[in-house]
Protein backbone atom coordinates (compact mmCIF):
# COMPACT_ATOMS: atom_id res chain seq x y z
CA MET A 1 25.12 243.56 -151.24
CA ARG A 2 25.91 241.50 -148.18
CA ALA A 3 25.07 242.77 -144.71
CA GLU A 4 27.88 243.01 -142.24
CA THR A 5 27.99 240.38 -139.59
CA THR A 6 28.21 241.39 -136.00
CA THR A 7 29.90 239.59 -133.19
CA GLU A 8 27.40 240.80 -130.60
CA LYS A 9 25.00 237.86 -130.95
CA PRO A 10 27.44 235.09 -129.90
CA GLU A 11 28.41 237.17 -126.85
CA VAL A 12 24.78 237.64 -125.90
CA ARG A 13 24.23 233.91 -126.29
CA ARG A 14 27.27 233.07 -124.25
CA SER A 15 26.20 235.39 -121.44
CA LEU A 16 22.63 234.02 -121.61
CA ILE A 17 23.85 230.44 -121.33
CA GLN A 18 26.27 231.44 -118.54
CA GLY A 19 23.36 233.16 -116.72
CA ILE A 20 21.16 230.07 -116.98
CA THR A 21 24.02 227.85 -115.81
CA ASP A 22 24.70 230.15 -112.88
CA TYR A 23 21.00 230.15 -111.93
CA ILE A 24 20.74 226.38 -111.97
CA ARG A 25 23.90 226.05 -109.88
CA ASP A 26 22.59 228.59 -107.35
CA VAL A 27 19.24 226.76 -107.12
CA ARG A 28 20.98 223.51 -106.40
CA ILE A 29 23.06 225.12 -103.67
CA GLU A 30 19.99 226.74 -102.06
CA MET A 31 18.01 223.50 -102.25
CA THR A 32 20.64 221.80 -100.06
CA LYS A 33 19.98 224.43 -97.38
CA VAL A 34 16.22 223.83 -97.23
CA SER A 35 14.89 222.21 -94.08
CA TRP A 36 12.28 219.78 -95.34
CA PRO A 37 9.45 218.69 -92.98
CA THR A 38 9.15 215.13 -91.82
CA ALA A 39 6.13 213.06 -92.79
CA ALA A 40 4.61 213.57 -89.36
CA GLU A 41 5.10 217.36 -89.52
CA LEU A 42 3.58 217.45 -92.98
CA ARG A 43 0.53 215.46 -91.84
CA GLU A 44 0.05 217.70 -88.82
CA SER A 45 0.32 220.91 -90.85
CA THR A 46 -2.08 219.56 -93.48
CA LEU A 47 -4.58 218.68 -90.75
CA VAL A 48 -4.32 222.15 -89.25
CA VAL A 49 -4.92 223.76 -92.67
CA ILE A 50 -7.96 221.55 -93.33
CA VAL A 51 -9.46 222.31 -89.89
CA MET A 52 -8.88 226.05 -90.19
CA VAL A 53 -10.36 226.17 -93.70
CA SER A 54 -13.38 224.24 -92.44
CA ILE A 55 -13.84 226.64 -89.50
CA MET A 56 -13.56 229.69 -91.79
CA MET A 57 -16.02 228.13 -94.23
CA ILE A 58 -18.59 227.59 -91.50
CA PHE A 59 -18.02 231.11 -90.15
CA ILE A 60 -18.43 232.74 -93.56
CA PHE A 61 -21.52 230.65 -94.25
CA LEU A 62 -23.12 231.71 -90.96
CA VAL A 63 -22.32 235.39 -91.43
CA ASP A 64 -23.61 235.29 -95.03
CA ARG A 65 -26.78 233.50 -94.01
CA GLY A 66 -27.36 235.88 -91.12
CA LEU A 67 -26.88 238.96 -93.28
CA SER A 68 -29.14 237.50 -95.98
CA ILE A 69 -31.94 236.92 -93.42
CA ALA A 70 -31.43 240.41 -91.95
CA PHE A 71 -31.63 242.16 -95.36
CA GLU A 72 -34.61 240.11 -96.46
CA SER A 73 -36.41 241.09 -93.25
CA LEU A 74 -35.47 244.75 -93.78
CA VAL A 75 -36.78 244.66 -97.34
CA ARG A 76 -40.06 243.05 -96.18
CA LEU A 77 -40.41 245.62 -93.41
CA VAL A 78 -39.73 248.64 -95.65
CA GLY A 79 -41.28 247.41 -98.88
């Protein structure tokens, strides 16, 4: 016996391909609206990020070290 063929699969494929095509077209349209930074703006922003990460790294190190010393002193005092 042969199984009946359905016409649903080609429709699903057609709508899938149409969906992908629509998505790519929409992405291209939106990419034309993007305001890209200049090289100078990009350099400045990168420098700000590096400086802020460095400051946070130092801050977290100091807080961690201070808490470690405090807890070690507490343990020595109690124990």
